[in-house]
Structure formats: C-alpha cells, structure tokens
C-alpha cells in the first residue's frame, strides 16, 4: 500500500487549513484587537468554534490513523531521522490537542462560553494574559508553527530532492 486512508487524507488537509487559519487569527487578529472592541466577540466565536472543531477532527484523525492500515515509513537511510519522522507526526497530535485544551482552559477561566456564545452581556476581561493557560497557549502555538515549518521542509526535501513522491501518499487515489 502506498497511500493513506482517504479519511486520513481528507482530515489532514482540512485540519491543516483550519490550523493555519486558527494560528493566523490568534496571532494577527485576536491579539491585535482590544477586548473592548465590539468585533472581538465575533473573532472569539470564530476562533473558539474552529479550535473545538480542530480538536474533534484531530481526535477522529488519530483514531482513524491508529485503526487503519498505512504505508510504511520512508527510509531516510538514518535510524535517528526515521524515528524523528515518526515522533514528529505524533507530536503534532499532542501539540494540537494540548493547544485546544489550553484554549478551553482560558475560555472557562474567563467565562467565555457564556459571554461569547450565550450573549450574557458580561464584558470581556481586560486581558487574557492573567490566566496561566494563556502562556501555554502561546508557547504551544509557537511549537505548532515550528512543527509546521519542519513538516513542510521535510515534505519539500522528500518531494523535490529525494524525488520519492511523498505527496502522493497524502493524496487521493488507489491505495495499492
């Protein structure tokens, strides 16, 4: 077999797009919009909804990955690099799930479910920096960005320098 299960492929690309949007929203839109601005509630609703959906989809993807057959790992000719590739993929799951968890913790501590989704009328806190999970959320976001850069770099190396057609493994088509 030379391709991943089509559900894994679809979830990979959907989650990748959603993570990119979530990271962009968090670092460039939410962080730049004061909590007193009226549009902040809309941005938080979108960011929180996307984060919950990413958590759900990532959990489903992990389950599908664990219980479906998959192509063998690509041999880099170096045992350490081979193990690093496998570890890195599972690290993605861990960091994304922890990122969503820290977001949920911030939301609960700040009372955001009632403010953002129920329209309680309670004002947002002056800042989210007072909540300890906020630090973890930022660090995990940075770690996720580093993992993405490494992932895309490894893809480019495999696809264009080693020419081992790695892209076709994470695309749709016959699995054998």
N, C-alpha and C. Protein backbone atom coordinates (compact mmCIF):
# COMPACT_ATOMS: atom_id res chain seq x y z
N UNK A 1 0.85 -1.17 0.00
CA UNK A 1 0.00 0.00 0.00
C UNK A 1 0.90 1.24 0.00
N UNK A 2 0.53 2.20 -0.85
CA UNK A 2 1.37 3.39 -0.96
C UNK A 2 0.64 4.70 -0.65
N UNK A 3 -0.58 4.60 -0.17
CA UNK A 3 -1.34 5.81 0.20
C UNK A 3 -2.02 5.61 1.55
N UNK A 4 -2.28 6.74 2.19
CA UNK A 4 -3.04 6.72 3.44
C UNK A 4 -4.52 6.58 3.14
N UNK A 5 -5.27 6.16 4.14
CA UNK A 5 -6.72 6.01 4.03
C UNK A 5 -7.32 7.35 3.60
N UNK A 6 -8.32 7.33 2.71
CA UNK A 6 -8.89 8.60 2.22
C UNK A 6 -9.45 9.49 3.33
N UNK A 7 -9.94 8.90 4.42
CA UNK A 7 -10.42 9.72 5.53
C UNK A 7 -9.24 10.46 6.17
N UNK A 8 -8.09 9.79 6.30
CA UNK A 8 -6.90 10.45 6.84
C UNK A 8 -6.45 11.59 5.92
N UNK A 9 -6.52 11.34 4.63
CA UNK A 9 -6.11 12.37 3.66
C UNK A 9 -7.02 13.59 3.77
N UNK A 10 -8.33 13.36 3.76
CA UNK A 10 -9.28 14.47 3.85
C UNK A 10 -9.10 15.24 5.15
N UNK A 11 -8.97 14.51 6.25
CA UNK A 11 -8.80 15.18 7.54
C UNK A 11 -7.46 15.92 7.61
N UNK A 12 -6.42 15.36 7.03
CA UNK A 12 -5.11 16.02 7.02
C UNK A 12 -5.22 17.42 6.41
N UNK A 13 -5.80 17.49 5.22
CA UNK A 13 -5.85 18.77 4.51
C UNK A 13 -6.84 19.74 5.16
N UNK A 14 -7.97 19.23 5.62
CA UNK A 14 -8.95 20.09 6.29
C UNK A 14 -8.37 20.66 7.59
N UNK A 15 -7.76 19.81 8.39
CA UNK A 15 -7.16 20.26 9.65
C UNK A 15 -6.00 21.22 9.38
N UNK A 16 -5.21 20.94 8.37
CA UNK A 16 -4.08 21.83 8.03
C UNK A 16 -4.58 23.24 7.72
N UNK A 17 -5.62 23.33 6.91
CA UNK A 17 -6.19 24.64 6.57
C UNK A 17 -6.74 25.33 7.82
N UNK A 18 -7.46 24.56 8.63
CA UNK A 18 -8.06 25.13 9.84
C UNK A 18 -7.00 25.60 10.83
N UNK A 19 -5.92 24.83 10.97
CA UNK A 19 -4.85 25.23 11.89
C UNK A 19 -4.18 26.50 11.39
N UNK A 20 -3.93 26.58 10.09
CA UNK A 20 -3.33 27.79 9.53
C UNK A 20 -4.21 29.00 9.82
N UNK A 21 -5.49 28.88 9.60
CA UNK A 21 -6.42 29.98 9.86
C UNK A 21 -6.46 30.30 11.36
N UNK A 22 -6.51 29.27 12.20
CA UNK A 22 -6.54 29.48 13.65
C UNK A 22 -5.30 30.18 14.17
N UNK A 23 -4.13 29.76 13.67
CA UNK A 23 -2.88 30.42 14.09
C UNK A 23 -2.85 31.86 13.62
N UNK A 24 -3.29 32.09 12.38
CA UNK A 24 -3.33 33.46 11.85
C UNK A 24 -4.29 34.33 12.66
N UNK A 25 -5.48 33.79 12.91
CA UNK A 25 -6.48 34.55 13.68
C UNK A 25 -5.96 34.89 15.08
N UNK A 26 -5.37 33.89 15.74
CA UNK A 26 -4.89 34.12 17.10
C UNK A 26 -3.76 35.12 17.17
N UNK A 27 -2.79 34.99 16.26
CA UNK A 27 -1.60 35.84 16.35
C UNK A 27 -1.72 37.18 15.64
N UNK A 28 -2.62 37.29 14.67
CA UNK A 28 -2.70 38.52 13.90
C UNK A 28 -4.02 39.28 14.04
N UNK A 29 -5.07 38.61 14.45
CA UNK A 29 -6.36 39.28 14.56
C UNK A 29 -6.76 39.44 16.03
N UNK A 30 -6.87 38.32 16.73
CA UNK A 30 -7.28 38.40 18.14
C UNK A 30 -6.30 39.18 18.99
N UNK A 31 -5.01 38.92 18.80
CA UNK A 31 -4.02 39.61 19.63
C UNK A 31 -3.95 41.10 19.34
N UNK A 32 -4.40 41.50 18.16
CA UNK A 32 -4.34 42.91 17.77
C UNK A 32 -5.66 43.65 18.01
N UNK A 33 -6.67 42.94 18.45
CA UNK A 33 -7.98 43.55 18.70
C UNK A 33 -8.21 43.65 20.20
N UNK A 34 -8.43 44.87 20.66
CA UNK A 34 -8.65 45.09 22.10
C UNK A 34 -9.93 44.37 22.55
N UNK A 35 -9.92 43.91 23.78
CA UNK A 35 -11.09 43.21 24.32
C UNK A 35 -12.30 44.12 24.45
N UNK A 36 -12.10 45.41 24.34
CA UNK A 36 -13.21 46.36 24.41
C UNK A 36 -13.85 46.60 23.04
N UNK A 37 -13.23 46.13 21.98
CA UNK A 37 -13.77 46.33 20.63
C UNK A 37 -14.95 45.38 20.41
N UNK A 38 -16.04 45.87 19.85
CA UNK A 38 -17.24 45.03 19.66
C UNK A 38 -16.99 43.79 18.78
N UNK A 39 -16.13 43.91 17.78
CA UNK A 39 -15.88 42.77 16.87
C UNK A 39 -15.08 41.66 17.53
N UNK A 40 -14.51 41.92 18.70
CA UNK A 40 -13.73 40.90 19.40
C UNK A 40 -14.59 39.67 19.72
N UNK A 41 -15.84 39.88 20.08
CA UNK A 41 -16.73 38.75 20.37
C UNK A 41 -16.91 37.85 19.15
N UNK A 42 -17.08 38.45 17.99
CA UNK A 42 -17.22 37.67 16.76
C UNK A 42 -15.93 36.90 16.48
N UNK A 43 -14.78 37.56 16.60
CA UNK A 43 -13.50 36.90 16.36
C UNK A 43 -13.29 35.74 17.34
N UNK A 44 -13.64 35.96 18.60
CA UNK A 44 -13.51 34.89 19.59
C UNK A 44 -14.44 33.72 19.27
N UNK A 45 -15.65 34.03 18.84
CA UNK A 45 -16.60 32.97 18.50
C UNK A 45 -16.05 32.11 17.36
N UNK A 46 -15.49 32.75 16.35
CA UNK A 46 -14.92 32.01 15.22
C UNK A 46 -13.71 31.19 15.66
N UNK A 47 -12.82 31.82 16.43
CA UNK A 47 -11.59 31.16 16.88
C UNK A 47 -11.90 29.98 17.80
N UNK A 48 -12.80 30.18 18.73
CA UNK A 48 -13.16 29.12 19.67
C UNK A 48 -13.89 27.98 18.95
N UNK A 49 -14.78 28.31 18.05
CA UNK A 49 -15.51 27.28 17.30
C UNK A 49 -14.54 26.47 16.45
N UNK A 50 -13.63 27.16 15.78
CA UNK A 50 -12.64 26.46 14.95
C UNK A 50 -11.74 25.58 15.83
N UNK A 51 -11.34 26.09 16.98
CA UNK A 51 -10.49 25.30 17.88
C UNK A 51 -11.18 24.04 18.35
N UNK A 52 -12.46 24.13 18.69
CA UNK A 52 -13.21 22.95 19.10
C UNK A 52 -13.35 21.95 17.95
N UNK A 53 -13.59 22.47 16.76
CA UNK A 53 -13.72 21.60 15.59
C UNK A 53 -12.37 20.93 15.27
N UNK A 54 -11.28 21.69 15.39
CA UNK A 54 -9.95 21.11 15.17
C UNK A 54 -9.70 19.99 16.18
N UNK A 55 -10.05 20.23 17.43
CA UNK A 55 -9.87 19.20 18.46
C UNK A 55 -10.66 17.94 18.11
N UNK A 56 -11.90 18.11 17.73
CA UNK A 56 -12.75 16.97 17.36
C UNK A 56 -12.16 16.22 16.16
N UNK A 57 -11.82 16.96 15.11
CA UNK A 57 -11.30 16.34 13.89
C UNK A 57 -9.95 15.68 14.13
N UNK A 58 -9.10 16.30 14.95
CA UNK A 58 -7.79 15.72 15.24
C UNK A 58 -7.93 14.44 16.03
N UNK A 59 -8.89 14.40 16.95
CA UNK A 59 -9.14 13.19 17.73
C UNK A 59 -9.66 12.07 16.82
N UNK A 60 -10.56 12.42 15.92
CA UNK A 60 -11.06 11.43 14.95
C UNK A 60 -9.91 10.95 14.08
N UNK A 61 -9.08 11.88 13.62
CA UNK A 61 -7.95 11.51 12.75
C UNK A 61 -7.00 10.56 13.47
N UNK A 62 -6.72 10.83 14.72
CA UNK A 62 -5.84 9.95 15.49
C UNK A 62 -6.44 8.55 15.58
N UNK A 63 -7.74 8.46 15.84
CA UNK A 63 -8.40 7.16 15.89
C UNK A 63 -8.33 6.43 14.57
N UNK A 64 -8.60 7.15 13.48
CA UNK A 64 -8.53 6.53 12.15
C UNK A 64 -7.10 6.08 11.86
N UNK A 65 -6.14 6.91 12.23
CA UNK A 65 -4.73 6.55 11.98
C UNK A 65 -4.33 5.29 12.75
N UNK A 66 -4.80 5.17 13.98
CA UNK A 66 -4.43 4.02 14.80
C UNK A 66 -5.09 2.73 14.31
N UNK A 67 -6.27 2.84 13.67
CA UNK A 67 -7.03 1.64 13.33
C UNK A 67 -7.15 1.35 11.84
N UNK A 68 -6.38 2.05 11.01
CA UNK A 68 -6.38 1.73 9.58
C UNK A 68 -4.95 1.39 9.16
N UNK A 69 -4.85 0.64 8.09
CA UNK A 69 -3.51 0.33 7.58
C UNK A 69 -2.95 1.58 6.90
N UNK A 70 -1.65 1.68 6.93
CA UNK A 70 -0.99 2.86 6.37
C UNK A 70 0.30 2.43 5.68
N UNK A 71 0.78 3.25 4.77
CA UNK A 71 2.05 2.90 4.12
C UNK A 71 3.19 2.90 5.13
N UNK A 72 4.21 2.14 4.83
CA UNK A 72 5.37 2.10 5.71
C UNK A 72 6.09 3.44 5.73
N UNK A 73 6.90 3.64 6.76
CA UNK A 73 7.66 4.88 6.84
C UNK A 73 8.71 4.91 5.74
N UNK A 74 9.03 6.08 5.30
CA UNK A 74 10.04 6.25 4.26
C UNK A 74 11.41 6.17 4.93
N UNK A 75 12.26 5.34 4.39
CA UNK A 75 13.60 5.16 4.97
C UNK A 75 14.51 6.30 4.52
N UNK A 76 15.03 7.02 5.49
CA UNK A 76 15.94 8.13 5.21
C UNK A 76 17.40 7.65 5.17
N UNK A 77 17.59 6.37 5.46
CA UNK A 77 18.95 5.87 5.49
C UNK A 77 19.65 6.18 6.80
N UNK A 78 18.89 6.67 7.77
CA UNK A 78 19.44 7.03 9.07
C UNK A 78 18.38 6.71 10.12
N UNK A 79 18.70 5.81 11.03
CA UNK A 79 17.74 5.38 12.04
C UNK A 79 17.20 6.51 12.89
N UNK A 80 18.05 7.46 13.24
CA UNK A 80 17.61 8.59 14.07
C UNK A 80 16.61 9.45 13.31
N UNK A 81 16.89 9.75 12.04
CA UNK A 81 15.95 10.55 11.24
C UNK A 81 14.65 9.80 11.02
N UNK A 82 14.72 8.49 10.84
CA UNK A 82 13.50 7.69 10.68
C UNK A 82 12.63 7.80 11.92
N UNK A 83 13.23 7.66 13.10
CA UNK A 83 12.48 7.76 14.35
C UNK A 83 11.97 9.18 14.57
N UNK A 84 12.78 10.16 14.22
CA UNK A 84 12.37 11.56 14.37
C UNK A 84 11.12 11.86 13.54
N UNK A 85 11.05 11.30 12.34
CA UNK A 85 9.88 11.49 11.49
C UNK A 85 8.62 10.94 12.13
N UNK A 86 8.71 9.74 12.69
CA UNK A 86 7.55 9.13 13.34
C UNK A 86 7.16 9.92 14.59
N UNK A 87 8.15 10.27 15.40
CA UNK A 87 7.88 11.03 16.63
C UNK A 87 7.24 12.37 16.30
N UNK A 88 7.74 13.03 15.28
CA UNK A 88 7.23 14.34 14.91
C UNK A 88 5.75 14.28 14.55
N UNK A 89 5.34 13.24 13.84
CA UNK A 89 3.93 13.13 13.47
C UNK A 89 3.04 12.98 14.69
N UNK A 90 3.47 12.19 15.65
CA UNK A 90 2.67 12.04 16.87
C UNK A 90 2.75 13.30 17.74
N UNK A 91 3.86 14.03 17.63
CA UNK A 91 3.99 15.30 18.34
C UNK A 91 2.97 16.31 17.84
N UNK A 92 2.66 16.27 16.54
CA UNK A 92 1.60 17.12 16.00
C UNK A 92 0.29 16.89 16.75
N UNK A 93 -0.09 15.63 16.90
CA UNK A 93 -1.33 15.31 17.61
C UNK A 93 -1.28 15.87 19.03
N UNK A 94 -0.19 15.63 19.72
CA UNK A 94 -0.06 16.07 21.10
C UNK A 94 -0.15 17.59 21.21
N UNK A 95 0.59 18.30 20.40
CA UNK A 95 0.61 19.77 20.49
C UNK A 95 -0.76 20.35 20.12
N UNK A 96 -1.39 19.83 19.09
CA UNK A 96 -2.71 20.35 18.70
C UNK A 96 -3.73 20.09 19.80
N UNK A 97 -3.72 18.90 20.36
CA UNK A 97 -4.68 18.58 21.43
C UNK A 97 -4.41 19.43 22.67
N UNK A 98 -3.14 19.61 23.02
CA UNK A 98 -2.81 20.47 24.17
C UNK A 98 -3.16 21.92 23.89
N UNK A 99 -2.97 22.35 22.66
CA UNK A 99 -3.32 23.72 22.28
C UNK A 99 -4.83 23.95 22.47
N UNK A 100 -5.63 23.01 22.00
CA UNK A 100 -7.08 23.12 22.18
C UNK A 100 -7.43 23.07 23.66
N UNK A 101 -6.76 22.21 24.41
CA UNK A 101 -7.02 22.12 25.85
C UNK A 101 -6.69 23.41 26.58
N UNK A 102 -5.57 24.04 26.21
CA UNK A 102 -5.22 25.31 26.86
C UNK A 102 -6.21 26.40 26.47
N UNK A 103 -6.70 26.36 25.23
CA UNK A 103 -7.73 27.30 24.81
C UNK A 103 -9.02 27.12 25.59
N UNK A 104 -9.40 25.86 25.80
CA UNK A 104 -10.59 25.58 26.60
C UNK A 104 -10.41 26.06 28.04
N UNK A 105 -9.21 25.88 28.57
CA UNK A 105 -8.94 26.32 29.95
C UNK A 105 -9.05 27.84 30.06
N UNK A 106 -8.48 28.55 29.10
CA UNK A 106 -8.58 30.02 29.10
C UNK A 106 -10.05 30.42 29.04
N UNK A 107 -10.77 29.82 28.11
CA UNK A 107 -12.18 30.15 27.92
C UNK A 107 -12.98 29.93 29.19
N UNK A 108 -12.78 28.81 29.83
CA UNK A 108 -13.54 28.51 31.05
C UNK A 108 -13.16 29.45 32.18
N UNK A 109 -11.88 29.74 32.34
CA UNK A 109 -11.44 30.64 33.42
C UNK A 109 -11.98 32.05 33.21
N UNK A 110 -12.08 32.47 31.95
CA UNK A 110 -12.54 33.82 31.64
C UNK A 110 -14.05 33.91 31.48
N UNK A 111 -14.75 32.78 31.58
CA UNK A 111 -16.21 32.79 31.41
C UNK A 111 -16.65 33.02 29.98
N UNK A 112 -15.79 32.68 29.02
CA UNK A 112 -16.10 32.97 27.62
C UNK A 112 -17.28 32.21 27.04
N UNK A 113 -17.53 30.96 27.43
CA UNK A 113 -18.70 30.29 26.82
C UNK A 113 -19.99 31.10 27.01
N UNK A 114 -20.20 31.64 28.21
CA UNK A 114 -21.42 32.42 28.46
C UNK A 114 -21.36 33.78 27.75
N UNK A 115 -20.18 34.40 27.75
CA UNK A 115 -20.05 35.72 27.14
C UNK A 115 -20.17 35.63 25.62
N UNK A 116 -19.44 34.70 25.03
CA UNK A 116 -19.33 34.63 23.57
C UNK A 116 -20.52 33.92 22.93
N UNK A 117 -20.95 32.81 23.51
CA UNK A 117 -21.99 32.00 22.86
C UNK A 117 -23.39 32.23 23.40
N UNK A 118 -23.49 32.67 24.64
CA UNK A 118 -24.82 32.87 25.22
C UNK A 118 -25.23 34.34 25.27
N UNK A 119 -24.32 35.23 24.91
CA UNK A 119 -24.65 36.65 24.91
C UNK A 119 -25.03 37.18 26.27
N UNK A 120 -24.28 36.79 27.29
CA UNK A 120 -24.62 37.17 28.66
C UNK A 120 -24.53 38.68 28.90
N UNK A 121 -23.80 39.38 28.03
CA UNK A 121 -23.64 40.82 28.22
C UNK A 121 -22.53 41.19 29.17
N UNK A 122 -21.93 40.22 29.82
CA UNK A 122 -20.79 40.48 30.71
C UNK A 122 -19.62 40.90 29.83
N UNK A 123 -18.91 41.95 30.21
CA UNK A 123 -17.77 42.37 29.39
C UNK A 123 -16.63 41.35 29.45
N UNK A 124 -15.86 41.35 28.38
CA UNK A 124 -14.67 40.50 28.36
C UNK A 124 -13.68 40.99 29.41
N UNK A 125 -12.83 40.10 29.92
CA UNK A 125 -11.78 40.57 30.83
C UNK A 125 -10.90 41.59 30.11
N UNK A 126 -10.24 42.43 30.87
CA UNK A 126 -9.37 43.44 30.27
C UNK A 126 -8.31 42.80 29.39
N UNK A 127 -7.78 41.67 29.86
CA UNK A 127 -6.76 40.93 29.11
C UNK A 127 -6.89 39.45 29.46
N UNK A 128 -6.42 38.60 28.57
CA UNK A 128 -6.40 37.17 28.86
C UNK A 128 -5.05 36.74 29.44
N UNK A 129 -4.12 37.66 29.48
CA UNK A 129 -2.77 37.35 29.96
C UNK A 129 -2.73 36.98 31.44
N UNK A 130 -3.78 37.31 32.17
CA UNK A 130 -3.81 36.99 33.61
C UNK A 130 -4.11 35.51 33.88
N UNK A 131 -4.51 34.78 32.84
CA UNK A 131 -4.85 33.37 33.01
C UNK A 131 -3.63 32.51 32.66
N UNK A 132 -3.18 31.68 33.59
CA UNK A 132 -1.97 30.87 33.35
C UNK A 132 -1.99 30.05 32.05
N UNK A 133 -3.13 29.46 31.65
CA UNK A 133 -3.10 28.69 30.39
C UNK A 133 -2.78 29.54 29.16
N UNK A 134 -2.91 30.87 29.29
CA UNK A 134 -2.61 31.75 28.14
C UNK A 134 -1.15 31.62 27.73
N UNK A 135 -0.26 31.48 28.71
CA UNK A 135 1.17 31.30 28.40
C UNK A 135 1.36 30.00 27.63
N UNK A 136 0.74 28.92 28.12
CA UNK A 136 0.85 27.63 27.44
C UNK A 136 0.29 27.71 26.02
N UNK A 137 -0.81 28.41 25.85
CA UNK A 137 -1.44 28.54 24.53
C UNK A 137 -0.48 29.21 23.55
N UNK A 138 0.19 30.26 24.01
CA UNK A 138 1.15 30.96 23.16
C UNK A 138 2.37 30.09 22.83
N UNK A 139 2.90 29.41 23.84
CA UNK A 139 4.07 28.54 23.63
C UNK A 139 3.70 27.39 22.69
N UNK A 140 2.54 26.80 22.91
CA UNK A 140 2.10 25.70 22.05
C UNK A 140 1.86 26.18 20.62
N UNK A 141 1.35 27.39 20.46
CA UNK A 141 1.18 27.96 19.12
C UNK A 141 2.51 28.11 18.41
N UNK A 142 3.52 28.56 19.15
CA UNK A 142 4.86 28.69 18.57
C UNK A 142 5.43 27.31 18.22
N UNK A 143 5.24 26.34 19.12
CA UNK A 143 5.71 24.98 18.85
C UNK A 143 5.02 24.40 17.61
N UNK A 144 3.74 24.68 17.48
CA UNK A 144 2.98 24.20 16.33
C UNK A 144 3.52 24.83 15.04
N UNK A 145 3.83 26.11 15.10
CA UNK A 145 4.39 26.78 13.93
C UNK A 145 5.73 26.16 13.54
N UNK A 146 6.58 25.86 14.51
CA UNK A 146 7.87 25.22 14.25
C UNK A 146 7.65 23.83 13.64
N UNK A 147 6.71 23.07 14.19
CA UNK A 147 6.41 21.74 13.63
C UNK A 147 5.92 21.85 12.19
N UNK A 148 5.10 22.84 11.90
CA UNK A 148 4.59 23.03 10.53
C UNK A 148 5.73 23.37 9.58
N UNK A 149 6.60 24.27 10.00
CA UNK A 149 7.74 24.63 9.15
C UNK A 149 8.62 23.40 8.89
N UNK A 150 8.87 22.61 9.93
CA UNK A 150 9.65 21.39 9.77
C UNK A 150 8.95 20.39 8.85
N UNK A 151 7.65 20.27 9.02
CA UNK A 151 6.85 19.33 8.22
C UNK A 151 6.89 19.71 6.74
N UNK A 152 6.67 20.98 6.46
CA UNK A 152 6.69 21.45 5.07
C UNK A 152 8.10 21.33 4.48
N UNK A 153 9.12 21.62 5.28
CA UNK A 153 10.50 21.48 4.82
C UNK A 153 10.84 20.03 4.51
N UNK A 154 10.41 19.11 5.38
CA UNK A 154 10.66 17.69 5.15
C UNK A 154 9.92 17.22 3.89
N UNK A 155 8.69 17.69 3.72
CA UNK A 155 7.94 17.37 2.50
C UNK A 155 8.71 17.83 1.27
N UNK A 156 9.17 19.08 1.28
CA UNK A 156 9.89 19.62 0.12
C UNK A 156 11.17 18.83 -0.15
N UNK A 157 11.88 18.47 0.90
CA UNK A 157 13.10 17.68 0.73
C UNK A 157 12.79 16.33 0.08
N UNK A 158 11.76 15.65 0.60
CA UNK A 158 11.40 14.35 0.05
C UNK A 158 10.89 14.47 -1.39
N UNK A 159 10.03 15.43 -1.62
CA UNK A 159 9.36 15.54 -2.92
C UNK A 159 10.30 16.02 -4.01
N UNK A 160 11.13 17.02 -3.71
CA UNK A 160 11.89 17.66 -4.76
C UNK A 160 13.36 17.25 -4.83
N UNK A 161 13.94 16.82 -3.72
CA UNK A 161 15.35 16.43 -3.74
C UNK A 161 15.51 14.91 -3.79
N UNK A 162 14.79 14.20 -2.94
CA UNK A 162 14.87 12.73 -2.96
C UNK A 162 13.98 12.14 -4.04
N UNK A 163 12.99 12.91 -4.47
CA UNK A 163 12.05 12.50 -5.52
C UNK A 163 11.40 11.15 -5.21
N UNK A 164 10.97 11.00 -3.94
CA UNK A 164 10.32 9.75 -3.56
C UNK A 164 8.79 9.85 -3.56
N UNK A 165 8.26 10.86 -4.25
CA UNK A 165 6.81 11.02 -4.46
C UNK A 165 6.00 10.95 -3.17
N UNK A 166 6.50 11.62 -2.14
CA UNK A 166 5.83 11.58 -0.84
C UNK A 166 4.45 12.23 -0.89
N UNK A 167 4.27 13.21 -1.76
CA UNK A 167 2.98 13.90 -1.83
C UNK A 167 1.85 12.93 -2.18
N UNK A 168 2.13 11.99 -3.05
CA UNK A 168 1.09 11.06 -3.49
C UNK A 168 0.57 10.20 -2.34
N UNK A 169 1.38 10.02 -1.28
CA UNK A 169 0.95 9.23 -0.12
C UNK A 169 -0.19 9.92 0.63
N UNK A 170 -0.19 11.24 0.63
CA UNK A 170 -1.20 12.01 1.37
C UNK A 170 -2.14 12.70 0.38
N UNK A 171 -2.50 11.97 -0.68
CA UNK A 171 -3.46 12.46 -1.64
C UNK A 171 -4.40 11.32 -2.00
N UNK A 172 -5.46 11.64 -2.69
CA UNK A 172 -6.49 10.66 -3.01
C UNK A 172 -6.07 9.80 -4.21
N UNK A 173 -6.54 8.58 -4.23
CA UNK A 173 -6.27 7.65 -5.32
C UNK A 173 -6.26 6.23 -4.81
N UNK A 174 -5.96 5.30 -5.70
CA UNK A 174 -5.90 3.90 -5.31
C UNK A 174 -4.81 3.71 -4.27
N UNK A 175 -5.12 2.90 -3.26
CA UNK A 175 -4.20 2.74 -2.12
C UNK A 175 -3.10 1.73 -2.39
N UNK A 176 -3.19 0.95 -3.44
CA UNK A 176 -2.15 -0.07 -3.66
C UNK A 176 -1.48 0.12 -5.00
